[in-house]
PDB file of N, CA and C in Angstrom:
ATOM      1  N   MET A   1       0.996  -1.050   0.053  1.00  0.00           N
ATOM      2  CA  MET A   1      -0.385  -0.242  -0.351  1.00  0.00           C
ATOM      3  C   MET A   1       1.193   0.821   0.466  1.00  0.00           C
ATOM      4  N   GLU A   2       0.243   1.754  -1.013  1.00  0.00           N
ATOM      5  CA  GLU A   2       0.947   3.236  -1.074  1.00  0.00           C
ATOM      6  C   GLU A   2       1.460   4.015   0.663  1.00  0.00           C
ATOM      7  N   PRO A   3       2.521   4.328   0.851  1.00  0.00           N
ATOM      8  CA  PRO A   3       2.426   5.109   2.632  1.00  0.00           C
ATOM      9  C   PRO A   3       1.719   6.232   2.531  1.00  0.00           C
ATOM     10  N   ALA A   4       1.478   7.057   1.234  1.00  0.00           N
ATOM     11  CA  ALA A   4       0.582   8.352   2.038  1.00  0.00           C
ATOM     12  C   ALA A   4      -1.248   7.960   1.694  1.00  0.00           C
ATOM     13  N   LEU A   5      -1.710   6.835   1.575  1.00  0.00           N
ATOM     14  CA  LEU A   5      -2.629   6.026   1.715  1.00  0.00           C
ATOM     15  C   LEU A   5      -3.270   5.796   3.186  1.00  0.00           C
ATOM     16  N   ALA A   6      -2.139   5.114   3.038  1.00  0.00           N
ATOM     17  CA  ALA A   6      -1.930   4.501   4.771  1.00  0.00           C
ATOM     18  C   ALA A   6      -2.492   5.215   5.847  1.00  0.00           C
ATOM     19  N   ILE A   7      -1.645   6.410   5.416  1.00  0.00           N
ATOM     20  CA  ILE A   7      -1.226   7.240   6.206  1.00  0.00           C
ATOM     21  C   ILE A   7      -2.813   8.040   6.703  1.00  0.00           C
ATOM     22  N   GLN A   8      -3.392   7.925   5.371  1.00  0.00           N
ATOM     23  CA  GLN A   8      -5.138   8.891   5.078  1.00  0.00           C
ATOM     24  C   GLN A   8      -5.654   8.040   5.736  1.00  0.00           C
ATOM     25  N   ASP A   9      -6.028   6.666   5.348  1.00  0.00           N
ATOM     26  CA  ASP A   9      -6.639   5.459   6.255  1.00  0.00           C
ATOM     27  C   ASP A   9      -6.480   5.414   7.846  1.00  0.00           C
ATOM     28  N   PHE A  10      -5.163   6.021   8.503  1.00  0.00           N
ATOM     29  CA  PHE A  10      -5.022   5.924   9.696  1.00  0.00           C
ATOM     30  C   PHE A  10      -5.868   7.723  10.487  1.00  0.00           C
ATOM     31  N   LEU A  11      -5.778   8.638   9.405  1.00  0.00           N
ATOM     32  CA  LEU A  11      -6.427  10.003   9.955  1.00  0.00           C
ATOM     33  C   LEU A  11      -7.915   9.455   9.989  1.00  0.00           C
ATOM     34  N   GLU A  12      -8.489   8.656   9.319  1.00  0.00           N
ATOM     35  CA  GLU A  12      -9.916   8.428   8.714  1.00  0.00           C
ATOM     36  C   GLU A  12      -9.997   7.981  10.160  1.00  0.00           C
ATOM     37  N   TYR A  13      -9.493   6.676  10.491  1.00  0.00           N
ATOM     38  CA  TYR A  13      -9.936   5.668  11.689  1.00  0.00           C
ATOM     39  C   TYR A  13     -10.024   6.791  12.788  1.00  0.00           C
ATOM     40  N   VAL A  14      -9.100   7.735  13.229  1.00  0.00           N
ATOM     41  CA  VAL A  14      -8.633   8.079  14.366  1.00  0.00           C
ATOM     42  C   VAL A  14      -9.758   9.394  14.432  1.00  0.00           C
ATOM     43  N   ILE A  15     -10.125   9.957  13.233  1.00  0.00           N
ATOM     44  CA  ILE A  15     -10.648  10.857  13.481  1.00  0.00           C
ATOM     45  C   ILE A  15     -11.899  10.920  13.492  1.00  0.00           C
ATOM     46  N   SER A  16     -13.057   9.536  12.969  1.00  0.00           N
ATOM     47  CA  SER A  16     -13.684   8.842  12.988  1.00  0.00           C
ATOM     48  C   SER A  16     -14.234   9.172  14.044  1.00  0.00           C
ATOM     49  N   GLY A  17     -13.413   8.189  14.812  1.00  0.00           N
ATOM     50  CA  GLY A  17     -13.170   8.024  16.124  1.00  0.00           C
ATOM     51  C   GLY A  17     -13.550   9.145  17.067  1.00  0.00           C
ATOM     52  N   LEU A  18     -13.197  10.172  16.842  1.00  0.00           N
ATOM     53  CA  LEU A  18     -13.288  11.117  18.203  1.00  0.00           C
ATOM     54  C   LEU A  18     -14.559  11.624  17.381  1.00  0.00           C
ATOM     55  N   VAL A  19     -14.640  11.967  16.289  1.00  0.00           N
ATOM     56  CA  VAL A  19     -16.344  12.928  16.053  1.00  0.00           C
ATOM     57  C   VAL A  19     -16.998  11.798  15.994  1.00  0.00           C
ATOM     58  N   GLY A  20     -17.151  10.412  15.589  1.00  0.00           N
ATOM     59  CA  GLY A  20     -18.265   9.621  15.644  1.00  0.00           C
ATOM     60  C   GLY A  20     -18.587   9.269  14.262  1.00  0.00           C
ATOM     61  N   ASP A  21     -19.670   8.431  14.609  1.00  0.00           N
ATOM     62  CA  ASP A  21     -19.803   7.811  12.779  1.00  0.00           C
ATOM     63  C   ASP A  21     -21.269   9.026  12.223  1.00  0.00           C
ATOM     64  N   ASP A  22     -21.859   9.669  12.886  1.00  0.00           N
ATOM     65  CA  ASP A  22     -22.906  10.956  12.463  1.00  0.00           C
ATOM     66  C   ASP A  22     -22.324  12.425  12.131  1.00  0.00           C
ATOM     67  N   GLY A  23     -20.747  12.154  12.841  1.00  0.00           N
ATOM     68  CA  GLY A  23     -20.201  13.103  12.360  1.00  0.00           C
ATOM     69  C   GLY A  23     -19.888  13.429  10.690  1.00  0.00           C
ATOM     70  N   GLU A  24     -20.010  14.697  10.151  1.00  0.00           N
ATOM     71  CA  GLU A  24     -19.076  15.414   9.188  1.00  0.00           C
ATOM     72  C   GLU A  24     -17.873  15.508   8.583  1.00  0.00           C
ATOM     73  N   LEU A  25     -17.833  14.816   8.253  1.00  0.00           N
ATOM     74  CA  LEU A  25     -15.529  14.014   8.191  1.00  0.00           C
ATOM     75  C   LEU A  25     -15.494  14.581   6.670  1.00  0.00           C
ATOM     76  N   SER A  26     -14.418  14.954   6.448  1.00  0.00           N
ATOM     77  CA  SER A  26     -14.021  14.712   4.427  1.00  0.00           C
ATOM     78  C   SER A  26     -12.314  14.343   4.927  1.00  0.00           C
ATOM     79  N   ILE A  27     -11.566  14.135   4.583  1.00  0.00           N
ATOM     80  CA  ILE A  27     -10.190  14.213   4.873  1.00  0.00           C
ATOM     81  C   ILE A  27      -9.393  13.854   3.159  1.00  0.00           C
ATOM     82  N   SER A  28      -8.692  14.760   2.739  1.00  0.00           N
ATOM     83  CA  SER A  28      -7.759  14.837   1.082  1.00  0.00           C
ATOM     84  C   SER A  28      -6.834  14.791   1.518  1.00  0.00           C
ATOM     85  N   ARG A  29      -5.773  14.612   0.057  1.00  0.00           N
ATOM     86  CA  ARG A  29      -4.457  14.635   0.202  1.00  0.00           C
ATOM     87  C   ARG A  29      -4.087  15.035  -0.904  1.00  0.00           C
ATOM     88  N   GLU A  30      -3.294  16.250  -0.623  1.00  0.00           N
ATOM     89  CA  GLU A  30      -2.957  17.307  -1.506  1.00  0.00           C
ATOM     90  C   GLU A  30      -1.124  16.978  -2.095  1.00  0.00           C
ATOM     91  N   LYS A  31      -0.850  16.742  -3.483  1.00  0.00           N
ATOM     92  CA  LYS A  31       0.769  16.401  -3.211  1.00  0.00           C
ATOM     93  C   LYS A  31       1.035  18.230  -3.585  1.00  0.00           C
ATOM     94  N   ARG A  32       1.832  18.781  -2.959  1.00  0.00           N
ATOM     95  CA  ARG A  32       2.947  19.890  -3.058  1.00  0.00           C
ATOM     96  C   ARG A  32       4.189  20.286  -2.963  1.00  0.00           C
ATOM     97  N   GLY A  33       5.071  19.506  -4.493  1.00  0.00           N
ATOM     98  CA  GLY A  33       6.410  19.375  -4.101  1.00  0.00           C
ATOM     99  C   GLY A  33       6.513  17.844  -3.385  1.00  0.00           C
ATOM    100  N   ASP A  34       7.404  17.639  -2.877  1.00  0.00           N
ATOM    101  CA  ASP A  34       7.482  16.746  -1.861  1.00  0.00           C
ATOM    102  C   ASP A  34       6.789  16.661  -0.958  1.00  0.00           C
ATOM    103  N   ASP A  35       6.410  17.693  -0.507  1.00  0.00           N
ATOM    104  CA  ASP A  35       5.319  17.048   1.041  1.00  0.00           C
ATOM    105  C   ASP A  35       3.885  16.919   0.374  1.00  0.00           C
ATOM    106  N   THR A  36       3.289  16.136   1.111  1.00  0.00           N
ATOM    107  CA  THR A  36       1.848  15.728   0.733  1.00  0.00           C
ATOM    108  C   THR A  36       1.362  16.318   2.122  1.00  0.00           C
ATOM    109  N   LEU A  37       0.259  17.147   2.144  1.00  0.00           N
ATOM    110  CA  LEU A  37      -0.721  17.419   2.788  1.00  0.00           C
ATOM    111  C   LEU A  37      -2.035  17.349   3.235  1.00  0.00           C
ATOM    112  N   PHE A  38      -2.267  16.724   4.064  1.00  0.00           N
ATOM    113  CA  PHE A  38      -3.761  15.670   4.830  1.00  0.00           C
ATOM    114  C   PHE A  38      -4.470  17.220   5.457  1.00  0.00           C
ATOM    115  N   ARG A  39      -5.751  17.361   4.245  1.00  0.00           N
ATOM    116  CA  ARG A  39      -6.662  18.367   5.032  1.00  0.00           C
ATOM    117  C   ARG A  39      -8.296  17.797   5.542  1.00  0.00           C
ATOM    118  N   ILE A  40      -7.987  18.244   7.233  1.00  0.00           N
ATOM    119  CA  ILE A  40      -9.231  17.236   7.632  1.00  0.00           C
ATOM    120  C   ILE A  40     -10.278  18.474   7.546  1.00  0.00           C
ATOM    121  N   GLN A  41     -11.333  17.883   7.356  1.00  0.00           N
ATOM    122  CA  GLN A  41     -12.914  18.868   6.783  1.00  0.00           C
ATOM    123  C   GLN A  41     -13.281  18.476   7.715  1.00  0.00           C
ATOM    124  N   LEU A  42     -13.679  19.086   8.967  1.00  0.00           N
ATOM    125  CA  LEU A  42     -15.178  19.443   9.937  1.00  0.00           C
ATOM    126  C   LEU A  42     -16.240  20.370   9.840  1.00  0.00           C
ATOM    127  N   ALA A  43     -17.275  19.427  10.052  1.00  0.00           N
ATOM    128  CA  ALA A  43     -18.372  20.811  10.738  1.00  0.00           C
ATOM    129  C   ALA A  43     -17.435  21.677  12.102  1.00  0.00           C
ATOM    130  N   PRO A  44     -17.779  22.453  12.124  1.00  0.00           N
ATOM    131  CA  PRO A  44     -17.488  24.173  13.400  1.00  0.00           C
ATOM    132  C   PRO A  44     -17.102  23.272  14.341  1.00  0.00           C
ATOM    133  N   ASP A  45     -18.587  22.337  15.385  1.00  0.00           N
ATOM    134  CA  ASP A  45     -18.381  22.097  16.125  1.00  0.00           C
ATOM    135  C   ASP A  45     -18.043  21.156  16.766  1.00  0.00           C
ATOM    136  N   GLU A  46     -17.385  20.168  15.406  1.00  0.00           N
ATOM    137  CA  GLU A  46     -16.772  19.367  15.828  1.00  0.00           C
ATOM    138  C   GLU A  46     -15.340  19.232  15.855  1.00  0.00           C
ATOM    139  N   ALA A  47     -15.018  20.601  15.209  1.00  0.00           N
ATOM    140  CA  ALA A  47     -12.964  20.051  15.451  1.00  0.00           C
ATOM    141  C   ALA A  47     -12.485  21.085  16.510  1.00  0.00           C
ATOM    142  N   GLY A  48     -13.283  21.279  17.536  1.00  0.00           N
ATOM    143  CA  GLY A  48     -12.939  21.166  18.763  1.00  0.00           C
ATOM    144  C   GLY A  48     -12.193  19.550  19.401  1.00  0.00           C
ATOM    145  N   ARG A  49     -13.111  18.900  19.373  1.00  0.00           N
ATOM    146  CA  ARG A  49     -13.124  17.803  19.279  1.00  0.00           C
ATOM    147  C   ARG A  49     -11.727  16.710  18.826  1.00  0.00           C
ATOM    148  N   VAL A  50     -11.436  17.307  17.769  1.00  0.00           N
ATOM    149  CA  VAL A  50      -9.943  16.821  16.988  1.00  0.00           C
ATOM    150  C   VAL A  50      -8.710  17.778  17.395  1.00  0.00           C
ATOM    151  N   ILE A  51      -9.172  18.882  17.874  1.00  0.00           N
ATOM    152  CA  ILE A  51      -7.632  20.126  18.257  1.00  0.00           C
ATOM    153  C   ILE A  51      -7.465  19.640  19.553  1.00  0.00           C
ATOM    154  N   GLY A  52      -8.531  19.458  20.299  1.00  0.00           N
ATOM    155  CA  GLY A  52      -8.313  18.912  22.172  1.00  0.00           C
ATOM    156  C   GLY A  52      -8.169  20.473  22.571  1.00  0.00           C
ATOM    157  N   LYS A  53      -7.698  20.227  23.883  1.00  0.00           N
ATOM    158  CA  LYS A  53      -7.587  21.224  24.659  1.00  0.00           C
ATOM    159  C   LYS A  53      -6.178  21.788  24.276  1.00  0.00           C
ATOM    160  N   HIS A  54      -5.558  22.961  24.358  1.00  0.00           N
ATOM    161  CA  HIS A  54      -4.670  23.465  23.882  1.00  0.00           C
ATOM    162  C   HIS A  54      -4.384  23.212  22.841  1.00  0.00           C
ATOM    163  N   GLY A  55      -4.953  22.423  21.732  1.00  0.00           N
ATOM    164  CA  GLY A  55      -3.921  22.212  20.833  1.00  0.00           C
ATOM    165  C   GLY A  55      -3.565  20.728  20.675  1.00  0.00           C
ATOM    166  N   LYS A  56      -3.447  19.983  22.060  1.00  0.00           N
ATOM    167  CA  LYS A  56      -2.878  18.850  22.656  1.00  0.00           C
ATOM    168  C   LYS A  56      -3.590  17.527  21.234  1.00  0.00           C
ATOM    169  N   THR A  57      -4.146  17.664  20.885  1.00  0.00           N
ATOM    170  CA  THR A  57      -4.981  16.179  20.365  1.00  0.00           C
ATOM    171  C   THR A  57      -4.007  16.494  18.761  1.00  0.00           C
ATOM    172  N   ILE A  58      -4.840  16.823  18.299  1.00  0.00           N
ATOM    173  CA  ILE A  58      -4.312  17.125  17.022  1.00  0.00           C
ATOM    174  C   ILE A  58      -2.488  17.344  16.609  1.00  0.00           C
ATOM    175  N   SER A  59      -2.053  17.982  17.685  1.00  0.00           N
ATOM    176  CA  SER A  59      -0.445  18.014  17.862  1.00  0.00           C
ATOM    177  C   SER A  59       0.211  16.074  18.558  1.00  0.00           C
ATOM    178  N   ALA A  60      -0.908  15.177  18.856  1.00  0.00           N
ATOM    179  CA  ALA A  60      -0.623  14.444  19.018  1.00  0.00           C
ATOM    180  C   ALA A  60      -1.079  13.459  17.374  1.00  0.00           C
ATOM    181  N   ILE A  61      -1.812  14.102  16.726  1.00  0.00           N
ATOM    182  CA  ILE A  61      -2.257  13.408  16.090  1.00  0.00           C
ATOM    183  C   ILE A  61      -0.748  13.302  13.992  1.00  0.00           C
ATOM    184  N   ARG A  62      -0.491  14.854  14.450  1.00  0.00           N
ATOM    185  CA  ARG A  62       0.475  15.370  13.601  1.00  0.00           C
ATOM    186  C   ARG A  62       1.774  14.754  14.229  1.00  0.00           C
ATOM    187  N   SER A  63       2.324  14.104  14.913  1.00  0.00           N
ATOM    188  CA  SER A  63       3.670  13.897  16.093  1.00  0.00           C
ATOM    189  C   SER A  63       3.090  11.908  14.568  1.00  0.00           C
ATOM    190  N   LEU A  64       2.464  11.581  15.305  1.00  0.00           N
ATOM    191  CA  LEU A  64       2.139  10.461  14.677  1.00  0.00           C
ATOM    192  C   LEU A  64       1.868   9.936  13.369  1.00  0.00           C
ATOM    193  N   VAL A  65       1.494  10.885  12.054  1.00  0.00           N
ATOM    194  CA  VAL A  65       1.581  10.997  11.105  1.00  0.00           C
ATOM    195  C   VAL A  65       3.233  11.218  10.872  1.00  0.00           C
ATOM    196  N   HIS A  66       3.493  12.757  11.104  1.00  0.00           N
ATOM    197  CA  HIS A  66       4.640  13.052  10.796  1.00  0.00           C
ATOM    198  C   HIS A  66       5.687  11.540  11.016  1.00  0.00           C
ATOM    199  N   ALA A  67       5.784  10.978  12.361  1.00  0.00           N
ATOM    200  CA  ALA A  67       6.844   9.562  12.390  1.00  0.00           C
ATOM    201  C   ALA A  67       6.063   8.730  11.601  1.00  0.00           C
ATOM    202  N   SER A  68       4.892   8.261  10.799  1.00  0.00           N
ATOM    203  CA  SER A  68       4.813   7.362  10.029  1.00  0.00           C
ATOM    204  C   SER A  68       5.785   8.126   8.260  1.00  0.00           C
ATOM    205  N   ALA A  69       5.452   9.333   8.297  1.00  0.00           N
ATOM    206  CA  ALA A  69       5.833   9.546   6.811  1.00  0.00           C
ATOM    207  C   ALA A  69       7.433   9.739   7.146  1.00  0.00           C
ATOM    208  N   GLU A  70       8.146   9.542   8.346  1.00  0.00           N
ATOM    209  CA  GLU A  70       9.871   9.429   8.340  1.00  0.00           C
ATOM    210  C   GLU A  70      10.027   8.465   8.076  1.00  0.00           C
ATOM    211  N   LYS A  71       9.517   7.573   8.423  1.00  0.00           N
ATOM    212  CA  LYS A  71       9.538   6.325   8.292  1.00  0.00           C
ATOM    213  C   LYS A  71      10.146   5.787   6.820  1.00  0.00           C
ATOM    214  N   HIS A  72       8.868   5.856   6.275  1.00  0.00           N
ATOM    215  CA  HIS A  72       8.400   5.992   5.135  1.00  0.00           C
ATOM    216  C   HIS A  72       8.898   6.939   3.746  1.00  0.00           C
ATOM    217  N   ARG A  73      10.225   7.912   4.461  1.00  0.00           N
ATOM    218  CA  ARG A  73      10.684   9.123   3.787  1.00  0.00           C
ATOM    219  C   ARG A  73      10.349   9.714   2.842  1.00  0.00           C
ATOM    220  N   ILE A  74       9.101   9.975   3.294  1.00  0.00           N
ATOM    221  CA  ILE A  74       7.970  11.298   2.656  1.00  0.00           C
ATOM    222  C   ILE A  74       8.147  12.152   3.370  1.00  0.00           C
ATOM    223  N   LEU A  75       7.496  13.826   2.911  1.00  0.00           N
ATOM    224  CA  LEU A  75       7.095  14.699   4.170  1.00  0.00           C
ATOM    225  C   LEU A  75       5.514  14.821   4.310  1.00  0.00           C
ATOM    226  N   ALA A  76       5.074  15.516   5.494  1.00  0.00           N
ATOM    227  CA  ALA A  76       3.528  14.588   5.243  1.00  0.00           C
ATOM    228  C   ALA A  76       3.376  15.934   6.400  1.00  0.00           C
ATOM    229  N   ASP A  77       2.095  16.382   6.405  1.00  0.00           N
ATOM    230  CA  ASP A  77       1.730  17.556   7.555  1.00  0.00           C
ATOM    231  C   ASP A  77       0.170  17.639   7.474  1.00  0.00           C
ATOM    232  N   VAL A  78      -0.848  17.910   8.606  1.00  0.00           N
ATOM    233  CA  VAL A  78      -1.722  17.807   8.530  1.00  0.00           C
ATOM    234  C   VAL A  78      -2.136  19.013   9.423  1.00  0.00           C
ATOM    235  N   GLU A  79      -3.824  19.702   8.000  1.00  0.00           N
ATOM    236  CA  GLU A  79      -4.148  21.347   8.489  1.00  0.00           C
ATOM    237  C   GLU A  79      -6.067  20.396   8.882  1.00  0.00           C
ATOM    238  N   VAL A  80      -6.495  21.321   9.592  1.00  0.00           N
ATOM    239  CA  VAL A  80      -7.879  20.934  10.103  1.00  0.00           C
ATOM    240  C   VAL A  80      -8.132  22.383  10.039  1.00  0.00           C
ATOM    241  N   VAL A  81      -9.987  21.863   8.870  1.00  0.00           N
ATOM    242  CA  VAL A  81     -10.446  23.058   8.406  1.00  0.00           C
ATOM    243  C   VAL A  81     -11.619  22.821   8.648  1.00  0.00           C
ATOM    244  N   ARG A  82     -12.222  24.044   9.634  1.00  0.00           N
ATOM    245  CA  ARG A  82     -13.145  23.656   9.916  1.00  0.00           C
ATOM    246  C   ARG A  82     -14.515  25.376   9.153  1.00  0.00           C
ATOM    247  N   GLU A  83     -15.342  24.000   8.890  1.00  0.00           N
ATOM    248  CA  GLU A  83     -16.401  24.397   7.214  1.00  0.00           C
ATOM    249  C   GLU A  83     -16.898  23.755   7.345  1.00  0.00           C
ATOM    250  N   ALA A  84     -18.404  23.901   6.976  1.00  0.00           N
ATOM    251  CA  ALA A  84     -19.314  23.377   6.876  1.00  0.00           C
ATOM    252  C   ALA A  84     -18.723  22.027   5.800  1.00  0.00           C
ATOM    253  N   ILE A  85     -19.480  21.106   5.801  1.00  0.00           N
ATOM    254  CA  ILE A  85     -19.065  20.029   4.385  1.00  0.00           C
ATOM    255  C   ILE A  85     -20.202  20.147   3.349  1.00  0.00           C
TER     256      ILE A  85
END
């Protein structure tokens, strides 16, 4: 499996667990040169669960994504977008 696709599947699994099955969630992947950007689009009221208190939850998610990307020798970043889907 392609590393970027595996990371996207991981993000979908983790974030759907945070927002629940009925939550609005969209994760897209965008290639920017050598970097892959994963854009997490959520409803504004659900973004707080993913970001966490003082940003600790999204920081932990980013750390896991960076570690996985480094293992596969790719660059990756995660962005949260708060807007209705």
